[in-house]
Amino acid sequence: MKLKELLTDVSVLAMTADPDTEIRDIRYDSRAVEPGDLFVAVEGFRSDGHGFIPMALEKGAAAVLCQRPPEGEDVPYVLTDDSRRALALVSCVYFGRPAEKMTMIGVTGTNGKTTVTLLIKRLLEDVLGARVGLVGTISNWIGDRQIETERTTPESYDLQKLFARMADAGCTHAVMEVSSHALALDRVAGVHFDAALFTNLTQDHLDFHGTMENYAEAKALLFSRCGQAAFNADDTWAPFMLERTACPAVTFSAAGKGADLWAADVKLSAAAVDFTACEKGGRAAVHLAIPGAFSVSNALAAIAAGRMLGLSLDQCAASLGRAAGVKGRVEVVPTPGDFTVVIDYAHTPDALEKVLRTMKEAAKGRVVALFGCGGDRDRTKRPVMGAIAAKYADFSVVTSDNPRSEDPEAIIADILQGMPGEAPMKVIVDRPAAIRWAIDNHLPGDVIVLAGKGHETYQEVCGVKRRMDEREIVAEHLRRSERR
C-alpha cells in the first residue's frame, strides 16, 4: 500500500517522505522493523519511540511517522500532531477498516465489563446464530476460538489486526471491553461503535488518571464515537456520562427506579438470580445462573445491548436463561467438605464490597476474604479495600495479589492501615500458602472468597509471571488433605 493511502485520515503537518512509497507493514517497535516498513514513533511512558528512529532506519524503514522532526538529513518522515493517534488511523486503513465490516459493541466501566461482554456474545450467538468476535480481559475470541490476551485492549495496530482476523473469519459482530487506558491513549481511534454501554465507575486506575474526574472523562470518550448507548442509572456517574453523549441513549436499573429498562421481583440465591425485566409495554422473566445482586445489573446491560441491536425482550430473557457462568467471576470451586470456595476477580474496592456482600447473603457460616492488592498500581485503594474487608467479611486473610516490582510486605502494610486492630485477620504473604491455610482453618458453612486473581493463572513477582492457578492450588491441597 502506498504511503499517501495510509495517511488518508492523518493530520499531516510536514512531509519529506515520498507519498508514493510502497509500505510493506507498520511497526511501532523498532526491534520488529523490516525493510519497507513504516515506523511510527510513539511517545511512551518508559521510552520515547523518537529515540529509536535511527535504529528503525538502519533496519530498513521506508519512512517514519512522528510528532517531532527527526535529527539528521535525508530522513523520510511524515510529521503529525499526535503519532499515537496516527498509529491507530494508519492501522485502520492498512487492515482495510475491518471494524466497519462488523456490528461493533463497546462496553466500558470499572466492574462488570467481562461478564457483560461475554453475555452479549452468547446472546448474539444464541438468538441470531451470529459469529461473534470478542476483545476482553480474560481472552479474545474469534467465534468459538479463544486467543489469550495480556491486557484489556491491545495497542491500536494489534487491535486492527485482530479485527481483520475476525472479519476474515466471518464474524458479523464484535464485542469489546473498552478500557479507560484504551480510550485515553487512542487505541480505539478510528473505530465507530454501533452500540455502547456504561456499567459503573468506582475507584481504580488513579495511578494513571490522577483523579476520578479524569478517569470518568476517559470513559466518556466512548460515547462520542457510538451510534446509540445504554447507561446504568443506578451508578452516580451515569448523569456525567449522559451529559457527554450526543447519540440516542437509554438507561437500565436493577433498583427499579425511573429507567427505560428495569428489574422487578428480584430473588437472589447462592446459585442464581431471578427477576422480571420490565420496559414500557413489556415484561419477561429472567433467570441467570450467576449469583449476586450485581448479576441483575449485568443481565440488564446485556438485555439493553440486545434491544439496541433489534432483539426482543423475550428473546434476550430466554437466552440469558441458557447462559453459563464466567470464569473467575463468582466462580464456585468444587470442594468435598462442608465449606465453599469462590474465586472472583474483585480487585477494586467496589468489586470487593459487592462480592463479599453477595456471599453474606448466601453463606451459612462465615465469609472469609482472602485478598491483596496489585503492585505498581493505585496505592490509595489499598487501605480502602482493607476497610471493606474488615466491614463485610467475618475473617480476612491478607496476602499478595500481583506484587510486580513492589515489596509484597509493603503493599500489605498499606492494606492494614485501613483495617482496625481488632479486626479478625491473618497475614500470610505467600498467596498459595494463604489459600492452604484458609482451607485448613475453615469452619462448617464457611464461604472462602479468593479475591483479586479471578481468571488469571499466574502471579507476577519482580516482573516475572509465575504459574499460579488458584483452582489447581485448591484441588491439589484437598487431594493431599484426603490422603493424610
Protein backbone atom coordinates (compact mmCIF):
# COMPACT_ATOMS: atom_id res chain seq x y z
CA MET A 1 0.00 0.00 0.00
CA LYS A 2 1.27 3.49 -0.83
CA LEU A 3 2.18 5.87 1.99
CA LYS A 4 -0.29 8.50 0.81
CA GLU A 5 -3.13 5.97 1.05
CA LEU A 6 -2.21 5.11 4.62
CA LEU A 7 -2.25 8.79 5.54
CA THR A 8 -5.83 9.35 4.37
CA ASP A 9 -7.15 10.19 7.88
CA VAL A 10 -3.95 11.56 9.41
CA SER A 11 -3.29 15.24 10.07
CA VAL A 12 -0.05 15.81 8.15
CA LEU A 13 1.94 18.87 9.24
CA ALA A 14 5.02 18.29 7.08
CA MET A 15 6.46 15.55 4.89
CA THR A 16 9.84 14.73 3.41
CA ALA A 17 8.94 11.12 2.52
CA ASP A 18 7.77 10.30 -0.99
CA PRO A 19 3.96 9.87 -0.76
CA ASP A 20 4.12 7.15 -3.43
CA THR A 21 6.47 4.99 -1.33
CA GLU A 22 5.21 1.42 -1.07
CA ILE A 23 4.78 0.39 2.58
CA ARG A 24 5.20 -3.29 3.45
CA ASP A 25 3.87 -3.12 7.05
CA ILE A 26 3.51 -0.81 10.05
CA ARG A 27 5.68 -1.05 13.16
CA TYR A 28 5.67 0.83 16.46
CA ASP A 29 8.50 -1.28 17.93
CA SER A 30 11.82 -0.52 16.23
CA ARG A 31 13.09 -4.03 17.05
CA ALA A 32 10.44 -5.53 14.75
CA VAL A 33 11.13 -3.26 11.75
CA GLU A 34 11.89 -4.90 8.42
CA PRO A 35 12.82 -3.31 5.08
CA GLY A 36 9.92 -1.38 3.58
CA ASP A 37 8.05 -0.81 6.86
CA LEU A 38 6.55 2.43 8.13
CA PHE A 39 7.92 3.08 11.62
CA VAL A 40 5.59 5.05 13.89
CA ALA A 41 7.49 6.80 16.69
CA VAL A 42 5.20 6.89 19.72
CA GLU A 43 5.94 8.68 22.98
CA GLY A 44 5.67 6.01 25.68
CA PHE A 45 5.77 6.13 29.47
CA ARG A 46 9.08 4.29 29.80
CA SER A 47 10.69 5.18 26.50
CA ASP A 48 10.13 7.51 23.55
CA GLY A 49 9.90 5.94 20.12
CA HIS A 50 11.51 9.04 18.60
CA GLY A 51 14.80 7.92 20.17
CA PHE A 52 14.65 4.71 18.16
CA ILE A 53 14.21 6.31 14.74
CA PRO A 54 17.90 5.76 13.81
CA MET A 55 17.57 2.05 14.63
CA ALA A 56 14.39 1.78 12.54
CA LEU A 57 16.11 3.44 9.59
CA GLU A 58 19.15 1.18 9.93
CA LYS A 59 16.81 -1.82 9.75
CA GLY A 60 15.32 -0.55 6.51
CA ALA A 61 12.27 1.51 7.45
CA ALA A 62 10.92 3.17 4.30
CA ALA A 63 9.50 6.13 6.21
CA VAL A 64 8.93 7.43 9.72
CA LEU A 65 5.68 8.82 11.13
CA CYS A 66 6.45 11.08 14.07
CA GLN A 67 5.35 14.13 16.02
CA ARG A 68 8.80 15.74 16.26
CA PRO A 69 11.10 16.25 13.26
CA PRO A 70 13.85 13.62 13.41
CA GLU A 71 17.51 14.56 13.55
CA GLY A 72 19.72 14.08 10.55
CA GLU A 73 19.46 14.87 6.88
CA ASP A 74 17.54 12.98 4.23
CA VAL A 75 15.27 11.21 6.74
CA PRO A 76 12.00 10.28 5.00
CA TYR A 77 9.42 11.32 7.57
CA VAL A 78 5.81 12.42 8.00
CA LEU A 79 5.16 14.91 10.78
CA THR A 80 1.82 14.82 12.60
CA ASP A 81 0.45 16.38 15.77
CA ASP A 82 -0.15 13.06 17.60
CA SER A 83 1.72 9.97 16.46
CA ARG A 84 -0.13 7.66 18.87
CA ARG A 85 -3.45 8.62 17.33
CA ALA A 86 -1.87 8.46 13.87
CA LEU A 87 -0.79 4.86 14.57
CA ALA A 88 -4.44 3.93 15.12
CA LEU A 89 -5.60 5.71 11.99
CA VAL A 90 -3.00 4.27 9.62
CA SER A 91 -3.61 0.81 11.11
CA CYS A 92 -7.33 1.13 10.34
CA VAL A 93 -6.54 1.85 6.69
CA TYR A 94 -3.77 -0.75 6.40
CA PHE A 95 -6.09 -3.56 7.50
CA GLY A 96 -8.96 -2.37 5.30
CA ARG A 97 -11.10 -0.75 8.02
CA PRO A 98 -12.23 -4.13 9.39
CA ALA A 99 -14.41 -2.69 12.18
CA GLU A 100 -16.67 -1.18 9.54
CA LYS A 101 -17.41 -4.69 8.25
CA MET A 102 -18.91 -5.78 11.59
CA THR A 103 -21.50 -4.55 14.07
CA MET A 104 -19.40 -3.12 16.90
CA ILE A 105 -20.49 -3.16 20.55
CA GLY A 106 -18.35 -1.49 23.21
CA VAL A 107 -18.66 -1.89 26.99
CA THR A 108 -16.89 0.38 29.44
CA GLY A 109 -16.94 0.76 33.22
CA THR A 110 -14.86 -0.27 36.22
CA ASN A 111 -16.61 -3.54 37.01
CA GLY A 112 -18.81 -5.93 35.08
CA LYS A 113 -17.25 -5.47 31.62
CA THR A 114 -16.08 -9.05 31.25
CA THR A 115 -19.36 -10.64 32.31
CA VAL A 116 -21.44 -8.23 30.22
CA THR A 117 -19.38 -8.70 27.05
CA LEU A 118 -19.49 -12.48 27.35
CA LEU A 119 -23.25 -12.39 27.97
CA ILE A 120 -23.72 -10.20 24.88
CA LYS A 121 -21.55 -12.55 22.80
CA ARG A 122 -23.59 -15.57 23.88
CA LEU A 123 -26.83 -13.67 23.34
CA LEU A 124 -25.98 -12.79 19.74
CA GLU A 125 -24.76 -16.30 19.01
CA ASP A 126 -27.81 -17.90 20.61
CA VAL A 127 -30.54 -15.70 19.16
CA LEU A 128 -29.06 -14.68 15.80
CA GLY A 129 -26.76 -17.62 15.17
CA ALA A 130 -24.09 -14.98 14.55
CA ARG A 131 -20.34 -15.50 14.52
CA VAL A 132 -19.08 -13.05 17.15
CA GLY A 133 -15.61 -11.77 17.99
CA LEU A 134 -14.70 -10.56 21.48
CA VAL A 135 -11.89 -8.43 22.88
CA GLY A 136 -11.70 -8.82 26.66
CA THR A 137 -9.76 -9.15 29.89
CA ILE A 138 -9.81 -12.93 30.10
CA SER A 139 -9.16 -13.61 26.44
CA ASN A 140 -10.01 -12.64 22.89
CA TRP A 141 -12.37 -14.76 20.84
CA ILE A 142 -12.86 -15.24 17.12
CA GLY A 143 -16.16 -17.08 17.04
CA ASP A 144 -15.63 -20.21 19.13
CA ARG A 145 -11.82 -19.97 19.06
CA GLN A 146 -10.14 -18.49 22.14
CA ILE A 147 -6.99 -16.38 21.93
CA GLU A 148 -5.12 -15.45 25.11
CA THR A 149 -4.50 -11.78 25.86
CA GLU A 150 -2.34 -9.78 28.24
CA ARG A 151 -4.30 -6.56 28.57
CA THR A 152 -7.90 -5.46 28.21
CA THR A 153 -7.46 -3.59 24.93
CA PRO A 154 -4.43 -4.24 22.67
CA GLU A 155 -2.34 -1.49 21.07
CA SER A 156 -4.15 0.03 18.09
CA TYR A 157 -2.18 -1.81 15.39
CA ASP A 158 -2.70 -5.16 17.10
CA LEU A 159 -6.36 -4.35 17.67
CA GLN A 160 -6.95 -3.60 13.99
CA LYS A 161 -5.08 -6.79 13.06
CA LEU A 162 -7.40 -8.71 15.41
CA PHE A 163 -10.48 -7.08 13.88
CA ALA A 164 -9.22 -8.08 10.43
CA ARG A 165 -8.85 -11.69 11.58
CA MET A 166 -12.40 -11.58 12.95
CA ALA A 167 -13.85 -10.14 9.75
CA ASP A 168 -11.90 -12.59 7.58
CA ALA A 169 -13.21 -15.46 9.73
CA GLY A 170 -16.79 -14.41 9.04
CA CYS A 171 -17.59 -12.55 12.26
CA THR A 172 -20.60 -10.28 11.79
CA HIS A 173 -20.35 -8.75 15.28
CA ALA A 174 -17.54 -7.79 17.63
CA VAL A 175 -17.95 -7.06 21.35
CA MET A 176 -15.23 -5.15 23.21
CA GLU A 177 -14.27 -4.33 26.74
CA VAL A 178 -13.12 -0.76 26.15
CA SER A 179 -10.75 0.30 28.93
CA SER A 180 -10.08 3.84 30.05
CA HIS A 181 -6.44 3.39 29.02
CA ALA A 182 -7.52 2.41 25.50
CA LEU A 183 -9.70 5.49 25.23
CA ALA A 184 -7.19 7.92 26.75
CA LEU A 185 -4.34 6.51 24.66
CA ASP A 186 -6.32 6.48 21.37
CA ARG A 187 -6.06 2.72 20.91
CA VAL A 188 -9.63 2.73 19.54
CA ALA A 189 -9.26 5.89 17.45
CA GLY A 190 -10.97 5.42 14.12
CA VAL A 191 -13.41 2.82 15.47
CA HIS A 192 -17.12 3.65 15.48
CA PHE A 193 -19.34 1.60 17.78
CA ASP A 194 -22.88 0.79 16.75
CA ALA A 195 -23.83 0.40 20.40
CA ALA A 196 -22.01 1.23 23.65
CA LEU A 197 -22.73 0.52 27.31
CA PHE A 198 -21.66 2.00 30.65
CA THR A 199 -21.70 -0.35 33.66
CA ASN A 200 -20.38 1.73 36.57
CA LEU A 201 -17.46 3.83 37.78
CA THR A 202 -15.61 3.22 41.02
CA GLN A 203 -12.07 3.90 42.19
CA ASP A 204 -9.44 2.28 40.00
CA HIS A 205 -6.50 3.27 37.77
CA LEU A 206 -5.92 6.56 39.61
CA ASP A 207 -2.20 5.87 39.26
CA PHE A 208 -2.75 6.62 35.57
CA HIS A 209 -5.64 9.10 35.53
CA GLY A 210 -4.85 11.01 38.74
CA THR A 211 -8.44 11.87 39.67
CA MET A 212 -11.87 10.29 39.40
CA GLU A 213 -12.92 13.15 37.11
CA ASN A 214 -10.10 12.38 34.69
CA TYR A 215 -10.97 8.68 34.87
CA ALA A 216 -14.62 9.50 34.09
CA GLU A 217 -13.67 11.80 31.21
CA ALA A 218 -11.64 8.97 29.66
CA LYS A 219 -14.58 6.57 29.94
CA ALA A 220 -16.94 9.15 28.46
CA LEU A 221 -14.87 9.28 25.26
CA LEU A 222 -16.55 6.04 24.20
CA PHE A 223 -19.89 7.80 23.96
CA SER A 224 -18.58 10.35 21.49
CA ARG A 225 -17.97 7.60 18.94
CA CYS A 226 -21.10 5.44 19.05
CA GLY A 227 -24.48 5.32 17.36
CA GLN A 228 -26.54 4.54 20.46
CA ALA A 229 -25.81 3.97 24.12
CA ALA A 230 -27.15 2.48 27.34
CA PHE A 231 -26.24 3.55 30.89
CA ASN A 232 -26.59 2.03 34.33
CA ALA A 233 -28.91 4.53 36.02
CA ASP A 234 -28.02 3.15 39.46
CA ASP A 235 -24.46 4.48 39.19
CA THR A 236 -23.77 8.01 40.44
CA TRP A 237 -21.62 8.75 37.36
CA ALA A 238 -24.40 7.98 34.88
CA PRO A 239 -25.54 11.66 34.61
CA PHE A 240 -21.92 12.67 33.94
CA MET A 241 -21.77 10.19 31.06
CA LEU A 242 -25.18 11.14 29.70
CA GLU A 243 -24.20 14.81 29.57
CA ARG A 244 -21.31 13.89 27.27
CA THR A 245 -23.39 11.72 24.94
CA ALA A 246 -24.87 13.08 21.72
CA CYS A 247 -26.36 9.84 20.36
CA PRO A 248 -29.74 8.30 21.32
CA ALA A 249 -29.44 6.82 24.83
CA VAL A 250 -31.41 4.58 27.18
CA THR A 251 -30.95 3.67 30.85
CA PHE A 252 -31.31 0.50 32.86
CA SER A 253 -31.74 -0.01 36.61
CA ALA A 254 -31.51 -3.04 38.88
CA ALA A 255 -33.07 -0.90 41.62
CA GLY A 256 -36.20 -0.40 39.54
CA LYS A 257 -36.01 3.37 39.56
CA GLY A 258 -37.07 5.60 36.67
CA ALA A 259 -35.18 3.87 33.86
CA ASP A 260 -36.12 2.69 30.38
CA LEU A 261 -35.34 -0.90 31.36
CA TRP A 262 -35.63 -2.06 34.96
CA ALA A 263 -35.77 -5.10 37.26
CA ALA A 264 -38.70 -6.10 39.44
CA ASP A 265 -39.39 -9.05 41.76
CA VAL A 266 -35.68 -9.74 42.28
CA LYS A 267 -34.86 -13.04 44.01
CA LEU A 268 -31.28 -13.93 44.94
CA SER A 269 -29.90 -17.37 45.76
CA ALA A 270 -26.48 -18.95 46.22
CA ALA A 271 -26.53 -20.21 42.62
CA ALA A 272 -28.50 -17.70 40.53
CA VAL A 273 -30.59 -14.55 40.25
CA ASP A 274 -34.22 -14.39 39.14
CA PHE A 275 -36.11 -11.21 38.28
CA THR A 276 -38.60 -9.68 35.89
CA ALA A 277 -37.12 -7.43 33.20
CA CYS A 278 -39.51 -4.58 32.53
CA GLU A 279 -39.77 -1.91 29.86
CA LYS A 280 -42.59 0.26 28.68
CA GLY A 281 -45.07 -2.17 27.16
CA GLY A 282 -43.26 -5.40 28.00
CA ARG A 283 -42.14 -7.77 30.79
CA ALA A 284 -40.11 -11.00 30.75
CA ALA A 285 -38.90 -13.43 33.43
CA VAL A 286 -35.10 -13.72 33.63
CA HIS A 287 -33.04 -16.48 35.24
CA LEU A 288 -29.25 -16.12 35.23
CA ALA A 289 -27.02 -18.79 36.78
CA ILE A 290 -24.52 -16.27 38.18
CA PRO A 291 -25.23 -15.37 41.84
CA GLY A 292 -25.10 -11.88 43.29
CA ALA A 293 -27.15 -8.70 43.15
CA PHE A 294 -24.67 -7.26 40.64
CA SER A 295 -25.67 -10.05 38.23
CA VAL A 296 -29.05 -8.35 37.89
CA SER A 297 -27.34 -5.20 36.63
CA ASN A 298 -25.07 -7.20 34.31
CA ALA A 299 -28.05 -9.07 32.89
CA LEU A 300 -29.91 -5.81 32.28
CA ALA A 301 -26.86 -4.40 30.48
CA ALA A 302 -26.81 -7.43 28.17
CA ILE A 303 -30.54 -7.07 27.56
CA ALA A 304 -30.09 -3.36 26.80
CA ALA A 305 -27.46 -4.27 24.21
CA GLY A 306 -29.75 -6.84 22.67
CA ARG A 307 -32.63 -4.38 22.49
CA MET A 308 -30.41 -1.74 20.84
CA LEU A 309 -29.47 -4.34 18.23
CA GLY A 310 -33.07 -5.23 17.47
CA LEU A 311 -33.66 -8.32 19.61
CA SER A 312 -36.92 -8.66 21.50
CA LEU A 313 -37.16 -8.61 25.30
CA ASP A 314 -38.40 -12.21 25.31
CA GLN A 315 -35.50 -13.36 23.12
CA CYS A 316 -32.97 -11.74 25.45
CA ALA A 317 -34.57 -13.16 28.60
CA ALA A 318 -34.79 -16.68 27.20
CA SER A 319 -31.16 -16.60 26.07
CA LEU A 320 -29.86 -15.46 29.47
CA GLY A 321 -31.59 -18.47 30.99
CA ARG A 322 -29.32 -20.67 28.87
CA ALA A 323 -26.12 -18.79 29.75
CA ALA A 324 -23.44 -20.34 31.95
CA GLY A 325 -21.18 -18.59 34.44
CA VAL A 326 -17.96 -16.73 33.67
CA LYS A 327 -14.51 -17.96 34.68
CA GLY A 328 -13.17 -16.01 37.64
CA ARG A 329 -16.40 -14.15 38.27
CA VAL A 330 -18.11 -15.58 41.38
CA GLU A 331 -16.78 -18.95 40.25
CA VAL A 332 -17.52 -21.77 42.69
CA VAL A 333 -14.65 -24.25 43.06
CA PRO A 334 -15.74 -27.82 43.84
CA THR A 335 -14.98 -28.91 47.42
CA PRO A 336 -15.92 -32.19 49.09
CA GLY A 337 -16.39 -30.68 52.51
CA ASP A 338 -18.86 -28.51 54.37
CA PHE A 339 -17.47 -25.24 53.04
CA THR A 340 -17.42 -23.31 49.75
CA VAL A 341 -14.54 -21.72 47.85
CA VAL A 342 -15.37 -18.89 45.44
CA ILE A 343 -12.89 -17.28 43.03
CA ASP A 344 -13.63 -13.73 41.94
CA TYR A 345 -11.63 -11.08 40.08
CA ALA A 346 -12.61 -8.44 42.65
CA HIS A 347 -9.53 -6.19 42.70
CA THR A 348 -11.21 -2.82 43.29
CA PRO A 349 -12.95 -1.54 46.43
CA ASP A 350 -16.38 -1.62 44.82
CA ALA A 351 -15.96 -5.12 43.40
CA LEU A 352 -14.65 -6.49 46.71
CA GLU A 353 -17.57 -4.99 48.60
CA LYS A 354 -20.07 -6.42 46.13
CA VAL A 355 -18.75 -9.96 46.19
CA LEU A 356 -18.46 -10.02 49.99
CA ARG A 357 -21.99 -8.67 50.43
CA THR A 358 -23.25 -11.22 47.91
CA MET A 359 -21.63 -14.09 49.81
CA LYS A 360 -23.04 -12.75 53.08
CA GLU A 361 -26.50 -13.28 51.65
CA ALA A 362 -25.75 -16.92 50.80
CA ALA A 363 -23.29 -18.14 53.46
CA LYS A 364 -24.47 -20.46 56.22
CA GLY A 365 -21.28 -19.78 58.14
CA ARG A 366 -18.57 -17.13 57.97
CA VAL A 367 -17.44 -15.20 54.93
CA VAL A 368 -13.64 -15.34 54.74
CA ALA A 369 -12.00 -12.78 52.46
CA LEU A 370 -8.58 -13.73 51.11
CA PHE A 371 -7.18 -10.80 49.15
CA GLY A 372 -4.30 -8.49 48.38
CA CYS A 373 -3.61 -5.52 46.11
CA GLY A 374 -1.56 -5.23 42.94
CA GLY A 375 1.84 -3.60 42.95
CA ASP A 376 2.75 -0.62 40.74
CA ARG A 377 -0.90 0.43 40.75
CA ASP A 378 -3.13 2.87 42.62
CA ARG A 379 -1.88 2.83 46.25
CA THR A 380 -4.79 4.86 47.59
CA LYS A 381 -7.25 1.99 47.18
CA ARG A 382 -5.24 -0.38 49.41
CA PRO A 383 -6.43 0.87 52.83
CA VAL A 384 -9.91 1.30 51.36
CA MET A 385 -10.02 -2.38 50.41
CA GLY A 386 -8.70 -3.27 53.87
CA ALA A 387 -11.54 -1.33 55.46
CA ILE A 388 -14.10 -3.02 53.20
CA ALA A 389 -12.81 -6.49 54.08
CA ALA A 390 -12.92 -5.65 57.79
CA LYS A 391 -16.50 -4.42 57.45
CA TYR A 392 -18.06 -7.09 55.25
CA ALA A 393 -16.03 -10.25 55.93
CA ASP A 394 -16.15 -12.21 59.17
CA PHE A 395 -12.46 -13.03 58.80
CA SER A 396 -9.74 -11.75 56.47
CA VAL A 397 -6.59 -13.38 55.16
CA VAL A 398 -4.40 -10.57 53.83
CA THR A 399 -1.90 -11.79 51.26
CA SER A 400 -0.31 -10.92 47.91
CA ASP A 401 -2.00 -10.26 44.58
CA ASN A 402 0.44 -9.37 41.78
CA PRO A 403 3.25 -7.56 43.64
CA ARG A 404 5.01 -6.82 40.34
CA SER A 405 8.07 -4.72 41.22
CA GLU A 406 6.93 -3.74 44.73
CA ASP A 407 7.73 -5.35 48.07
CA PRO A 408 4.72 -7.54 48.94
CA GLU A 409 5.04 -6.75 52.65
CA ALA A 410 4.91 -3.02 51.91
CA ILE A 411 1.70 -3.49 49.92
CA ILE A 412 0.17 -5.45 52.81
CA ALA A 413 1.22 -2.71 55.23
CA ASP A 414 -0.76 -0.23 53.11
CA ILE A 415 -3.81 -2.52 53.25
CA LEU A 416 -3.56 -2.92 57.01
CA GLN A 417 -3.73 0.84 57.50
CA GLY A 418 -7.43 0.62 56.66
CA MET A 419 -8.17 -2.30 58.98
CA PRO A 420 -8.91 -1.72 62.67
CA GLY A 421 -6.60 -3.58 65.04
CA GLU A 422 -9.43 -5.68 66.44
CA ALA A 423 -10.49 -6.98 63.02
CA PRO A 424 -10.13 -10.77 62.91
CA MET A 425 -7.42 -11.48 60.37
CA LYS A 426 -4.33 -13.41 59.41
CA VAL A 427 -1.42 -12.08 57.32
CA ILE A 428 0.32 -14.61 55.06
CA VAL A 429 2.46 -13.03 52.34
CA ASP A 430 2.71 -16.14 50.15
CA ARG A 431 -0.65 -16.49 48.38
CA PRO A 432 -0.64 -20.27 47.80
CA ALA A 433 0.25 -20.75 51.48
CA ALA A 434 -2.54 -18.36 52.43
CA ILE A 435 -5.06 -20.36 50.42
CA ARG A 436 -3.96 -23.61 52.04
CA TRP A 437 -4.19 -22.02 55.50
CA ALA A 438 -7.70 -20.71 54.83
CA ILE A 439 -8.87 -24.18 53.76
CA ASP A 440 -7.23 -25.91 56.74
CA ASN A 441 -8.79 -23.45 59.19
CA HIS A 442 -12.32 -23.26 57.77
CA LEU A 443 -15.41 -23.73 59.91
CA PRO A 444 -18.59 -25.53 58.83
CA GLY A 445 -20.64 -23.45 56.40
CA ASP A 446 -17.81 -21.02 55.57
CA VAL A 447 -17.53 -19.33 52.20
CA ILE A 448 -13.88 -18.59 51.39
CA VAL A 449 -13.62 -15.82 48.80
CA LEU A 450 -10.34 -15.81 46.88
CA ALA A 451 -10.48 -12.23 45.60
CA GLY A 452 -8.34 -10.43 43.06
CA LYS A 453 -6.92 -13.04 40.69
CA GLY A 454 -10.10 -14.35 39.08
CA HIS A 455 -9.36 -15.79 35.64
CA GLU A 456 -5.60 -15.21 35.91
CA THR A 457 -3.43 -18.31 36.05
CA TYR A 458 -0.21 -16.57 37.05
CA GLN A 459 1.27 -14.30 39.68
CA GLU A 460 3.65 -11.51 38.69
CA VAL A 461 6.53 -11.12 41.14
CA CYS A 462 9.60 -8.95 40.44
CA GLY A 463 8.45 -8.52 36.85
CA VAL A 464 8.25 -12.30 36.25
CA LYS A 465 4.97 -14.14 35.67
CA ARG A 466 4.89 -17.44 37.52
CA ARG A 467 2.28 -20.16 37.06
CA MET A 468 -0.35 -19.89 39.80
CA ASP A 469 -3.87 -21.14 39.17
CA GLU A 470 -5.97 -20.93 42.32
CA ARG A 471 -8.20 -23.75 41.09
CA GLU A 472 -5.16 -26.04 40.92
CA ILE A 473 -3.94 -24.92 44.36
CA VAL A 474 -7.32 -25.68 45.95
CA ALA A 475 -7.72 -29.04 44.18
CA GLU A 476 -4.18 -30.21 44.97
CA HIS A 477 -4.44 -29.22 48.64
CA LEU A 478 -7.76 -31.01 49.00
CA ARG A 479 -6.28 -34.14 47.43
CA ARG A 480 -3.33 -34.05 49.85
CA SER A 481 -5.67 -33.48 52.77
CA GLU A 482 -7.69 -36.57 51.81
CA ARG A 483 -4.51 -38.71 51.76
CA ARG A 484 -3.48 -37.71 55.27
